Amino acid sequence: MKRRFKAFIMNDYEGAPYAEWIKTGEKTIETRTRSFSYRGDLVICCGKTNSTGPNAGKALCVVELWKIRDMRKGDEEAAGVICRSGIKAFLFRNWRHFSRDFEFAPERVSGAWQSIFEITIPDDVKIIPRPDIIPFEEKD
């Protein structure tokens, strides 16, 4: 049985390993200039071309994208970036790790690079819940 998931590419830059920070729960909000209608599970993948370090080209974890809204000043620490006008905050929760990181291959890309695509999780890879990673607490 194929386990297909929606996926999302982030990069690990020197001094700002965003994909790694999502994996470890240090970054619980991603920011983008564009939004999309999808909500649900997303595999966080580390880009191969623009990333540095051992995560480049690998699928790292699964998170639930549960909300997209305009970024607020109070999001800066959880996002790891400064609040700017026009930026969207993607709020994650429900972290799960893989029994091993694996190289990913996009099966269907929809739209620009900031969009989601599909991947298949290899049969030998287990998905392990991480209830110890606490999501950003929304304050109204």
Protein backbone atom coordinates (compact mmCIF):
# COMPACT_ATOMS: atom_id res chain seq x y z
CA MET A 1 0.00 0.00 0.00
CA LYS A 2 1.47 3.35 -1.05
CA ARG A 3 1.56 6.08 1.59
CA ARG A 4 1.21 9.31 -0.32
CA PHE A 5 1.56 12.63 1.43
CA LYS A 6 1.47 16.26 0.47
CA ALA A 7 4.92 17.80 0.89
CA PHE A 8 6.54 21.20 1.18
CA ILE A 9 10.13 22.28 0.49
CA MET A 10 12.11 24.39 2.92
CA ASN A 11 15.83 25.10 2.86
CA ASP A 12 18.65 24.84 5.37
CA TYR A 13 20.88 27.88 4.95
CA GLU A 14 24.13 28.40 6.78
CA GLY A 15 23.16 30.06 10.05
CA ALA A 16 19.44 29.59 9.33
CA PRO A 17 18.64 25.87 8.91
CA TYR A 18 14.88 26.38 8.55
CA ALA A 19 13.98 22.78 7.62
CA GLU A 20 16.01 21.44 10.57
CA TRP A 21 14.39 23.98 12.89
CA ILE A 22 10.94 22.74 11.80
CA LYS A 23 12.02 19.12 12.37
CA THR A 24 13.22 19.85 15.90
CA GLY A 25 10.26 22.11 16.78
CA GLU A 26 12.46 25.18 17.21
CA LYS A 27 10.49 26.79 14.37
CA THR A 28 6.74 26.19 14.64
CA ILE A 29 5.61 28.79 12.10
CA GLU A 30 6.73 28.97 8.48
CA THR A 31 6.34 32.24 6.57
CA ARG A 32 5.66 32.74 2.88
CA THR A 33 4.45 35.50 0.60
CA ARG A 34 1.76 33.26 -0.88
CA SER A 35 -1.01 31.20 0.61
CA PHE A 36 -2.98 28.18 -0.59
CA SER A 37 -6.20 26.45 0.44
CA TYR A 38 -4.71 23.13 1.59
CA ARG A 39 -4.83 22.29 5.30
CA GLY A 40 -3.67 18.98 6.71
CA ASP A 41 -0.57 16.82 6.92
CA LEU A 42 2.59 18.00 5.16
CA VAL A 43 5.94 16.30 4.87
CA ILE A 44 8.70 18.86 5.41
CA CYS A 45 11.41 18.32 2.81
CA CYS A 46 14.77 20.02 2.71
CA GLY A 47 15.60 21.43 -0.72
CA LYS A 48 18.55 19.84 -2.47
CA THR A 49 19.80 22.68 -4.65
CA ASN A 50 19.73 25.66 -2.26
CA SER A 51 20.38 23.92 1.07
CA THR A 52 23.57 23.27 2.98
CA GLY A 53 24.25 20.42 5.38
CA PRO A 54 23.17 16.81 5.80
CA ASN A 55 19.42 17.39 5.30
CA ALA A 56 19.70 18.55 1.67
CA GLY A 57 17.42 16.49 -0.56
CA LYS A 58 15.76 14.60 2.30
CA ALA A 59 12.26 14.31 3.76
CA LEU A 60 12.52 15.18 7.45
CA CYS A 61 9.18 15.02 9.26
CA VAL A 62 5.40 15.31 9.05
CA VAL A 63 3.49 18.25 10.52
CA GLU A 64 -0.12 19.31 10.33
CA LEU A 65 -0.66 22.67 8.64
CA TRP A 66 -3.75 23.81 10.50
CA LYS A 67 -3.92 27.55 9.84
CA ILE A 68 -2.61 30.23 7.48
CA ARG A 69 -3.06 33.89 8.41
CA ASP A 70 -1.25 37.21 8.17
CA MET A 71 1.96 37.23 10.19
CA ARG A 72 1.89 39.13 13.48
CA LYS A 73 4.70 40.72 15.49
CA GLY A 74 4.19 38.05 18.18
CA ASP A 75 5.03 35.31 15.65
CA GLU A 76 8.67 36.38 15.19
CA GLU A 77 10.29 34.02 17.69
CA ALA A 78 8.29 30.96 16.55
CA ALA A 79 8.95 31.82 12.88
CA GLY A 80 12.62 32.74 13.22
CA VAL A 81 12.14 35.83 11.04
CA ILE A 82 11.14 39.47 11.48
CA CYS A 83 7.50 40.39 10.80
CA ARG A 84 6.97 42.18 7.49
CA SER A 85 3.86 43.43 5.74
CA GLY A 86 2.29 40.99 3.30
CA ILE A 87 3.82 37.84 4.85
CA LYS A 88 1.64 34.83 5.66
CA ALA A 89 2.18 32.70 8.78
CA PHE A 90 1.74 28.93 8.31
CA LEU A 91 0.99 27.43 11.75
CA PHE A 92 2.06 23.83 12.36
CA ARG A 93 1.12 21.25 15.00
CA ASN A 94 1.07 17.44 15.45
CA TRP A 95 4.76 16.67 14.74
CA ARG A 96 5.78 13.21 13.57
CA HIS A 97 9.28 12.03 12.71
CA PHE A 98 10.43 9.26 10.43
CA SER A 99 12.36 6.23 11.61
CA ARG A 100 14.96 7.44 9.10
CA ASP A 101 15.32 10.51 6.88
CA PHE A 102 15.08 9.57 3.19
CA GLU A 103 15.65 11.22 -0.16
CA PHE A 104 12.43 12.47 -1.67
CA ALA A 105 11.26 12.65 -5.26
CA PRO A 106 8.33 14.94 -6.11
CA GLU A 107 5.59 13.02 -7.91
CA ARG A 108 3.39 15.92 -8.87
CA VAL A 109 4.26 19.56 -8.46
CA SER A 110 1.42 22.07 -8.39
CA GLY A 111 2.26 25.67 -9.20
CA ALA A 112 5.24 27.70 -8.11
CA TRP A 113 8.07 26.49 -5.87
CA GLN A 114 6.23 27.77 -2.81
CA SER A 115 3.44 25.26 -3.39
CA ILE A 116 2.84 21.72 -2.27
CA PHE A 117 3.48 18.49 -4.14
CA GLU A 118 3.09 14.77 -3.48
CA ILE A 119 5.62 12.18 -2.36
CA THR A 120 5.42 8.52 -1.34
CA ILE A 121 6.83 7.44 2.01
CA PRO A 122 8.97 4.27 1.58
CA ASP A 123 7.41 1.11 3.03
CA ASP A 124 10.26 0.56 5.52
CA VAL A 125 9.93 4.05 7.04
CA LYS A 126 7.88 4.28 10.22
CA ILE A 127 6.08 7.47 11.22
CA ILE A 128 6.68 8.21 14.91
CA PRO A 129 4.54 10.70 16.92
CA ARG A 130 6.40 13.54 18.69
CA PRO A 131 4.01 14.84 21.36
CA ASP A 132 7.00 16.49 23.07
CA ILE A 133 7.11 19.19 20.37
CA ILE A 134 4.76 21.97 21.46
CA PRO A 135 3.10 24.05 18.70
CA PHE A 136 2.85 27.83 18.74
CA GLU A 137 0.03 28.90 21.03
CA GLU A 138 -2.39 31.19 19.20
CA LYS A 139 -3.24 34.31 21.27
CA ASP A 140 -6.14 36.40 20.04
